[in-house]
Protein backbone atom coordinates (compact mmCIF):
# COMPACT_ATOMS: atom_id res chain seq x y z
CA MET A 1 -7.86 4.20 -18.44
CA ILE A 2 -6.55 1.25 -16.43
CA ASP A 3 -9.14 -1.28 -15.25
CA GLU A 4 -8.99 -1.62 -11.48
CA PRO A 5 -8.58 -5.14 -10.16
CA GLU A 6 -11.45 -6.63 -8.19
CA VAL A 7 -11.15 -6.54 -4.40
CA VAL A 8 -10.77 -10.16 -3.30
CA ALA A 9 -10.41 -9.69 0.47
CA ASP A 10 -10.76 -7.16 3.28
CA LEU A 11 -8.18 -6.81 6.05
CA ASP A 12 -9.46 -5.87 9.52
CA LEU A 13 -7.44 -2.86 10.73
CA ARG A 14 -8.19 -3.69 14.37
CA ALA A 15 -6.05 -6.85 14.13
CA LEU A 16 -3.55 -5.71 11.51
CA CYS A 17 0.10 -6.73 11.82
CA ALA A 18 2.91 -5.78 9.43
CA THR A 19 6.24 -7.60 9.42
CA ILE A 20 9.28 -6.96 7.21
CA ASP A 21 10.83 -10.20 5.97
CA LEU A 22 13.53 -11.54 3.68
CA ASP A 23 12.45 -14.56 1.61
CA ASP A 24 15.13 -16.03 -0.67
CA ASP A 25 16.91 -12.64 -0.68
CA ASP A 26 13.64 -10.91 -1.68
CA LEU A 27 12.79 -8.07 0.69
CA GLY A 28 9.10 -7.88 1.46
CA MET A 29 6.46 -6.93 3.98
CA ARG A 30 3.81 -9.35 5.20
CA VAL A 31 0.56 -7.68 6.21
CA ASP A 32 -2.11 -9.79 7.91
CA ASP A 33 -5.12 -9.56 10.20
CA GLY A 34 -4.93 -13.09 11.57
CA ASP A 35 -7.23 -14.46 8.84
CA ILE A 36 -5.86 -13.08 5.56
CA ALA A 37 -2.27 -12.26 4.63
CA VAL A 38 -0.70 -10.39 1.71
CA ARG A 39 2.98 -9.84 0.97
CA LEU A 40 4.28 -6.61 -0.53
CA THR A 41 7.42 -7.15 -2.62
CA THR A 42 9.83 -5.19 -4.77
CA GLY A 43 8.61 -7.03 -7.86
CA VAL A 44 10.44 -9.10 -10.42
CA GLY A 45 12.63 -7.34 -12.93
CA GLY A 46 11.91 -3.83 -11.68
CA THR A 47 14.23 -1.37 -10.04
CA TYR A 48 14.45 -0.33 -6.42
CA ALA A 49 13.50 3.17 -7.61
CA ASP A 50 10.21 1.75 -8.93
CA ALA A 51 9.63 -0.14 -5.66
CA ILE A 52 10.39 2.99 -3.64
CA ALA A 53 7.90 5.00 -5.70
CA GLY A 54 5.24 2.34 -5.06
CA ALA A 55 5.99 2.31 -1.32
CA GLU A 56 5.74 6.12 -1.27
CA ARG A 57 2.34 5.98 -3.00
CA LEU A 58 1.16 3.43 -0.45
CA ALA A 59 2.47 5.49 2.49
CA ALA A 60 0.80 8.66 1.18
CA GLY A 61 -2.52 6.83 0.76
CA LEU A 62 -2.22 5.41 4.29
CA ASP A 63 -1.49 8.90 5.69
CA GLN A 64 -4.70 10.20 4.10
CA PHE A 65 -6.69 7.17 5.31
CA LEU A 66 -5.35 7.62 8.86
CA ALA A 67 -6.31 11.30 8.83
CA LEU A 68 -9.86 10.38 7.77
CA LEU A 69 -10.12 7.74 10.51
CA LYS A 70 -8.90 10.22 13.13
CA THR A 71 -11.37 12.83 11.92
CA ARG A 72 -14.26 10.36 12.11
CA ALA A 73 -13.14 9.36 15.61
CA GLY A 74 -13.38 13.01 16.71
CA SER A 75 -9.71 13.92 16.68
CA ALA A 76 -9.09 17.59 17.45
CA ASP A 77 -6.10 17.61 15.09
CA PRO A 78 -6.68 19.60 11.92
CA PHE A 79 -7.30 17.51 8.83
CA PRO A 80 -4.16 17.61 6.67
CA ARG A 81 -4.51 18.53 3.01
CA PRO A 82 -1.81 16.43 1.34
CA VAL A 83 -1.02 16.41 -2.34
CA PRO A 84 -3.45 14.02 -4.09
CA VAL A 85 -2.11 10.49 -4.45
CA VAL A 86 -1.90 8.86 -7.85
CA VAL A 87 -1.78 5.16 -7.10
CA CYS A 88 -2.31 3.28 -10.35
CA GLU A 89 -0.84 5.23 -13.24
CA LEU A 90 2.27 3.26 -14.17
CA ALA A 91 4.09 3.12 -17.45
CA ALA A 92 3.01 0.21 -19.66
CA ASP A 93 6.40 -1.51 -19.21
CA HIS A 94 5.94 -1.48 -15.41
CA GLN A 95 2.56 -3.20 -15.29
CA PRO A 96 2.42 -6.41 -13.28
CA GLY A 97 2.83 -9.41 -15.54
CA SER A 98 4.43 -7.47 -18.39
C-alpha cells in the first residue's frame, strides 16, 4: 500500500483559477485561489503517455467531485455513476522522486 502524502494546503473553489502555461518549454497548468498556487507539470523523465494518464485520472476525479457538489446544491440532474477512479497506483519506476 502506498502512503498518502499529507495535505499541506486547501484551495478555495469559489476563487479558483486555472491557467495553462509554458515555463522553459515545460507545459504546465497553474491552479490558484488567490492565496495558494500549485503547478501541474508533465514531470521529469516521464513520457507524455504517463502525463496524459495522470491528467485523465485528475479529470475523472474532478467529474465525480463536480457531480457530488451539484447533487448537494440540489441539482435535478441525475447523479452519474462513472467508473471508479484509481488515482495513486503507479508503477514503482513512475513514483515521484524515483
